[in-house]
N, C-alpha and C. Protein backbone atom coordinates (compact mmCIF):
# COMPACT_ATOMS: atom_id res chain seq x y z
N MET A 1 -9.54 -24.60 -8.60
CA MET A 1 -8.52 -23.89 -9.35
C MET A 1 -8.98 -22.46 -9.59
N MET A 2 -8.14 -21.48 -9.20
CA MET A 2 -8.48 -20.08 -9.37
C MET A 2 -8.10 -19.62 -10.77
N MET A 3 -9.06 -18.98 -11.46
CA MET A 3 -8.79 -18.50 -12.80
C MET A 3 -8.52 -17.00 -12.73
N LEU A 4 -7.37 -16.57 -13.24
CA LEU A 4 -7.05 -15.15 -13.25
C LEU A 4 -7.62 -14.50 -14.49
N MET A 5 -8.24 -13.36 -14.29
CA MET A 5 -8.80 -12.62 -15.41
C MET A 5 -7.85 -11.48 -15.73
N VAL A 6 -7.39 -11.42 -16.96
CA VAL A 6 -6.48 -10.36 -17.38
C VAL A 6 -7.31 -9.21 -17.92
N ILE A 7 -7.09 -8.04 -17.36
CA ILE A 7 -7.80 -6.84 -17.79
C ILE A 7 -6.88 -6.07 -18.74
N GLU A 8 -7.41 -5.64 -19.87
CA GLU A 8 -6.60 -4.88 -20.83
C GLU A 8 -6.17 -3.56 -20.20
N LYS A 9 -4.91 -3.22 -20.40
CA LYS A 9 -4.41 -1.92 -19.92
C LYS A 9 -4.96 -0.84 -20.83
N LYS A 10 -5.90 -0.10 -20.30
CA LYS A 10 -6.54 1.00 -21.02
C LYS A 10 -6.76 2.09 -19.99
N GLU A 11 -6.33 3.31 -20.28
CA GLU A 11 -6.42 4.38 -19.29
C GLU A 11 -7.82 4.46 -18.69
N GLY A 12 -7.87 4.43 -17.37
CA GLY A 12 -9.14 4.49 -16.65
C GLY A 12 -9.71 3.14 -16.28
N ALA A 13 -9.15 2.06 -16.84
CA ALA A 13 -9.64 0.71 -16.50
C ALA A 13 -9.35 0.43 -15.03
N THR A 14 -10.17 -0.40 -14.41
CA THR A 14 -9.96 -0.76 -13.01
C THR A 14 -9.92 -2.27 -12.87
N MET A 15 -9.24 -2.71 -11.81
CA MET A 15 -9.21 -4.14 -11.50
C MET A 15 -8.82 -4.30 -10.03
N VAL A 16 -8.95 -5.52 -9.53
CA VAL A 16 -8.55 -5.84 -8.17
C VAL A 16 -7.33 -6.75 -8.26
N CYS A 17 -6.27 -6.45 -7.50
CA CYS A 17 -5.07 -7.27 -7.49
C CYS A 17 -5.40 -8.63 -6.89
N SER A 18 -5.03 -9.69 -7.60
CA SER A 18 -5.32 -11.04 -7.11
C SER A 18 -4.44 -11.44 -5.94
N ALA A 19 -3.30 -10.75 -5.76
CA ALA A 19 -2.39 -11.10 -4.67
C ALA A 19 -2.78 -10.45 -3.34
N CYS A 20 -3.21 -9.17 -3.39
CA CYS A 20 -3.47 -8.47 -2.12
C CYS A 20 -4.88 -7.90 -2.01
N GLY A 21 -5.64 -7.90 -3.10
CA GLY A 21 -7.01 -7.40 -3.04
C GLY A 21 -7.18 -5.91 -3.20
N ALA A 22 -6.08 -5.19 -3.51
CA ALA A 22 -6.16 -3.74 -3.66
C ALA A 22 -6.92 -3.37 -4.93
N ASN A 23 -7.66 -2.26 -4.88
CA ASN A 23 -8.34 -1.73 -6.05
C ASN A 23 -7.33 -0.91 -6.84
N LEU A 24 -7.18 -1.21 -8.13
CA LEU A 24 -6.18 -0.56 -8.97
C LEU A 24 -6.84 0.16 -10.13
N THR A 25 -6.16 1.22 -10.60
CA THR A 25 -6.62 1.96 -11.76
C THR A 25 -5.46 2.06 -12.74
N CYS A 26 -5.75 1.89 -14.01
CA CYS A 26 -4.73 1.99 -15.05
C CYS A 26 -4.57 3.47 -15.42
N ARG A 27 -3.36 3.98 -15.23
CA ARG A 27 -3.05 5.39 -15.53
C ARG A 27 -1.67 5.47 -16.17
N MET A 28 -1.40 6.63 -16.79
CA MET A 28 -0.07 6.87 -17.34
C MET A 28 0.90 7.10 -16.19
N SER A 29 2.08 6.51 -16.30
CA SER A 29 3.12 6.73 -15.30
C SER A 29 3.64 8.16 -15.45
N SER A 30 4.38 8.60 -14.45
CA SER A 30 4.93 9.96 -14.51
C SER A 30 6.44 9.92 -14.24
N TYR A 31 7.13 9.11 -15.02
CA TYR A 31 8.58 8.98 -14.87
C TYR A 31 9.29 10.22 -15.42
N LYS A 32 10.45 10.49 -14.88
CA LYS A 32 11.30 11.59 -15.35
C LYS A 32 12.20 11.08 -16.47
N HIS A 33 12.64 11.99 -17.32
CA HIS A 33 13.59 11.67 -18.39
C HIS A 33 14.80 10.96 -17.80
N PRO A 34 15.32 9.90 -18.34
CA PRO A 34 15.15 9.39 -19.69
C PRO A 34 14.12 8.27 -19.81
N TYR A 35 13.35 8.01 -18.76
CA TYR A 35 12.38 6.92 -18.80
C TYR A 35 11.14 7.31 -19.57
N THR A 36 10.54 6.35 -20.24
CA THR A 36 9.34 6.58 -21.05
C THR A 36 8.10 6.32 -20.21
N ASN A 37 7.16 7.25 -20.25
CA ASN A 37 5.90 7.05 -19.55
C ASN A 37 5.06 6.02 -20.30
N LYS A 38 4.32 5.23 -19.52
CA LYS A 38 3.51 4.17 -20.10
C LYS A 38 2.32 3.91 -19.18
N LEU A 39 1.36 3.16 -19.68
CA LEU A 39 0.23 2.77 -18.84
C LEU A 39 0.70 1.78 -17.79
N GLN A 40 0.24 1.97 -16.57
CA GLN A 40 0.59 1.05 -15.50
C GLN A 40 -0.56 0.96 -14.51
N TRP A 41 -0.62 -0.16 -13.79
CA TRP A 41 -1.62 -0.33 -12.74
C TRP A 41 -1.13 0.41 -11.52
N GLN A 42 -1.96 1.33 -11.02
CA GLN A 42 -1.57 2.18 -9.90
C GLN A 42 -2.53 2.03 -8.73
N ASN A 43 -1.97 2.30 -7.54
CA ASN A 43 -2.76 2.37 -6.31
C ASN A 43 -3.57 3.66 -6.33
N SER A 44 -4.45 3.84 -5.37
CA SER A 44 -5.29 5.03 -5.32
C SER A 44 -4.48 6.31 -5.15
N ASP A 45 -3.26 6.21 -4.58
CA ASP A 45 -2.42 7.39 -4.41
C ASP A 45 -1.55 7.70 -5.63
N GLY A 46 -1.70 6.92 -6.72
CA GLY A 46 -0.96 7.16 -7.94
C GLY A 46 0.38 6.44 -8.03
N SER A 47 0.75 5.71 -6.98
CA SER A 47 2.01 4.96 -7.01
C SER A 47 1.83 3.66 -7.79
N ALA A 48 2.92 3.19 -8.38
CA ALA A 48 2.87 1.94 -9.14
C ALA A 48 2.56 0.79 -8.20
N HIS A 49 1.66 -0.10 -8.61
CA HIS A 49 1.28 -1.22 -7.76
C HIS A 49 2.19 -2.42 -7.95
N TYR A 50 2.75 -2.58 -9.14
CA TYR A 50 3.63 -3.72 -9.42
C TYR A 50 5.05 -3.22 -9.65
N SER A 51 6.02 -3.98 -9.16
CA SER A 51 7.41 -3.67 -9.45
C SER A 51 7.98 -4.78 -10.32
N TYR A 52 8.98 -4.43 -11.13
CA TYR A 52 9.60 -5.39 -12.03
C TYR A 52 10.98 -5.69 -11.50
N ASN A 53 11.21 -6.96 -11.16
CA ASN A 53 12.49 -7.34 -10.60
C ASN A 53 12.80 -8.78 -10.99
N GLY A 54 13.99 -9.01 -11.47
CA GLY A 54 14.39 -10.37 -11.81
C GLY A 54 13.56 -11.00 -12.90
N GLY A 55 13.07 -10.19 -13.83
CA GLY A 55 12.31 -10.73 -14.95
C GLY A 55 10.84 -10.99 -14.70
N LYS A 56 10.32 -10.56 -13.53
CA LYS A 56 8.89 -10.75 -13.29
C LYS A 56 8.31 -9.58 -12.49
N PHE A 57 7.01 -9.42 -12.63
CA PHE A 57 6.30 -8.38 -11.89
C PHE A 57 5.83 -8.94 -10.55
N THR A 58 5.97 -8.13 -9.50
CA THR A 58 5.48 -8.55 -8.19
C THR A 58 4.61 -7.45 -7.60
N CYS A 59 3.65 -7.87 -6.83
CA CYS A 59 2.71 -6.97 -6.17
C CYS A 59 3.42 -6.22 -5.05
N THR A 60 3.37 -4.89 -5.09
CA THR A 60 3.99 -4.12 -4.01
C THR A 60 3.11 -4.08 -2.78
N GLY A 61 1.82 -4.36 -2.94
CA GLY A 61 0.90 -4.37 -1.80
C GLY A 61 1.28 -5.41 -0.77
N THR A 62 1.62 -6.61 -1.22
CA THR A 62 1.99 -7.66 -0.29
C THR A 62 3.33 -7.36 0.37
N LYS A 63 4.23 -6.70 -0.36
CA LYS A 63 5.53 -6.32 0.21
C LYS A 63 5.34 -5.26 1.30
N LYS A 64 4.49 -4.26 1.03
CA LYS A 64 4.22 -3.21 2.01
C LYS A 64 3.57 -3.80 3.25
N GLU A 65 2.60 -4.70 3.05
CA GLU A 65 1.93 -5.33 4.20
C GLU A 65 2.92 -6.11 5.04
N LYS A 66 3.84 -6.82 4.39
CA LYS A 66 4.84 -7.60 5.11
C LYS A 66 5.76 -6.68 5.91
N GLU A 67 6.17 -5.55 5.31
CA GLU A 67 7.02 -4.58 6.01
C GLU A 67 6.30 -4.00 7.22
N ILE A 68 5.03 -3.68 7.07
CA ILE A 68 4.25 -3.12 8.18
C ILE A 68 4.11 -4.15 9.30
N LEU A 69 3.80 -5.40 8.94
CA LEU A 69 3.65 -6.46 9.93
C LEU A 69 4.97 -6.71 10.65
N THR A 70 6.07 -6.76 9.91
CA THR A 70 7.38 -6.98 10.52
C THR A 70 7.71 -5.88 11.51
N LYS A 71 7.46 -4.63 11.13
CA LYS A 71 7.72 -3.49 12.02
C LYS A 71 6.85 -3.58 13.27
N ALA A 72 5.58 -3.91 13.10
CA ALA A 72 4.67 -4.02 14.25
C ALA A 72 5.13 -5.12 15.20
N LEU A 73 5.57 -6.24 14.66
CA LEU A 73 6.04 -7.34 15.51
C LEU A 73 7.31 -6.95 16.26
N GLN A 74 8.21 -6.23 15.59
CA GLN A 74 9.43 -5.76 16.26
C GLN A 74 9.09 -4.80 17.40
N GLU A 75 8.15 -3.89 17.16
CA GLU A 75 7.74 -2.95 18.20
C GLU A 75 7.08 -3.68 19.37
N GLN A 76 6.28 -4.70 19.07
CA GLN A 76 5.64 -5.49 20.11
C GLN A 76 6.70 -6.22 20.96
N ASP A 77 7.69 -6.81 20.31
CA ASP A 77 8.76 -7.49 21.04
C ASP A 77 9.50 -6.52 21.96
N GLU A 78 9.76 -5.31 21.47
CA GLU A 78 10.45 -4.31 22.27
C GLU A 78 9.61 -3.90 23.48
N MET A 79 8.30 -3.73 23.28
CA MET A 79 7.42 -3.36 24.40
C MET A 79 7.39 -4.48 25.44
N LEU A 80 7.38 -5.73 24.99
CA LEU A 80 7.37 -6.85 25.93
C LEU A 80 8.67 -6.91 26.71
N ARG A 81 9.81 -6.66 26.05
CA ARG A 81 11.10 -6.63 26.75
C ARG A 81 11.11 -5.52 27.79
N GLU A 82 10.61 -4.35 27.43
CA GLU A 82 10.57 -3.22 28.37
C GLU A 82 9.65 -3.53 29.55
N ALA A 83 8.53 -4.19 29.31
CA ALA A 83 7.60 -4.55 30.38
C ALA A 83 8.24 -5.54 31.34
N GLU A 84 8.96 -6.51 30.78
CA GLU A 84 9.64 -7.48 31.64
C GLU A 84 10.69 -6.82 32.50
N LEU A 85 11.43 -5.87 31.92
CA LEU A 85 12.45 -5.16 32.69
C LEU A 85 11.83 -4.31 33.80
N SER A 86 10.68 -3.70 33.52
CA SER A 86 10.07 -2.81 34.51
C SER A 86 9.48 -3.59 35.69
N ILE A 87 9.14 -4.89 35.48
CA ILE A 87 8.62 -5.66 36.60
C ILE A 87 9.68 -6.61 37.17
N GLY A 88 10.89 -6.44 36.65
CA GLY A 88 12.00 -7.25 37.19
C GLY A 88 12.08 -8.63 36.63
N GLY A 89 11.61 -8.82 35.41
CA GLY A 89 11.57 -10.14 34.78
C GLY A 89 12.82 -10.55 34.12
């Protein structure tokens, strides 16, 4: 059984995302008015690591990885189709 350790949100705190393994830093968000800035877990580029949807937080790292993998697989399929056409397949 995996035990999740909850790290207190405190500016400058660091943790590793249990879903994707990304290194995160707790920083103030930089939302525009009318949204209120708050502490959030961010990626190294300052983007929010978790999104809130449907009443729960989800890891954006796993979503990005899935999008990248899906795109790579689509490109691979296209290259294979082109190769088959070029050899008369």
